[in-house]
Amino acid sequence: MYFVLLRHTPLDYRAALLIVLFTVAVVTFVLSKLWAFSGHRPA
């Protein structure tokens, strides 16, 4: 994702890095709520 942003957009590397880090943080949070800490116990 970082490579694609740097290669195909005129973004500064700091802005691209900020976008990537924010996206990873959001995806990690959402997945943790939906899957890892959902409260379901395996049988």
Protein backbone atom coordinates (compact mmCIF):
# COMPACT_ATOMS: atom_id res chain seq x y z
CA MET A 1 0.00 0.00 0.00
CA TYR A 2 2.82 2.37 0.87
CA PHE A 3 4.61 1.55 -2.35
CA VAL A 4 1.46 2.13 -4.40
CA LEU A 5 0.83 5.50 -2.74
CA LEU A 6 4.39 6.63 -3.33
CA ARG A 7 4.55 5.33 -6.87
CA HIS A 8 1.17 6.41 -8.24
CA THR A 9 0.27 9.56 -6.31
CA PRO A 10 2.02 12.89 -5.88
CA LEU A 11 1.87 12.54 -2.09
CA ASP A 12 4.82 13.32 0.13
CA TYR A 13 6.28 10.23 1.77
CA ARG A 14 5.20 11.49 5.20
CA ALA A 15 1.58 11.86 4.12
CA ALA A 16 1.64 8.41 2.51
CA LEU A 17 3.10 6.92 5.68
CA LEU A 18 0.45 8.63 7.79
CA ILE A 19 -2.31 7.21 5.57
CA VAL A 20 -0.87 3.71 5.77
CA LEU A 21 -0.39 3.80 9.55
CA PHE A 22 -3.90 5.17 10.10
CA THR A 23 -5.38 2.51 7.83
CA VAL A 24 -3.54 -0.29 9.62
CA ALA A 25 -4.66 1.05 13.00
CA VAL A 26 -8.31 1.23 11.92
CA VAL A 27 -8.28 -2.23 10.34
CA THR A 28 -6.62 -3.71 13.44
CA PHE A 29 -9.20 -2.07 15.72
CA VAL A 30 -12.14 -3.25 13.64
CA LEU A 31 -10.83 -6.80 13.35
CA SER A 32 -10.17 -6.96 17.08
CA LYS A 33 -13.75 -5.91 17.82
CA LEU A 34 -15.31 -8.26 15.29
CA TRP A 35 -13.12 -11.31 15.74
CA ALA A 36 -10.47 -11.44 18.44
CA PHE A 37 -12.45 -9.94 21.31
CA SER A 38 -15.96 -10.71 20.15
CA GLY A 39 -16.81 -12.61 23.34
CA HIS A 40 -17.52 -15.93 21.63
CA ARG A 41 -15.80 -18.87 23.22
CA PRO A 42 -14.74 -21.79 21.04
CA ALA A 43 -16.57 -25.05 21.71
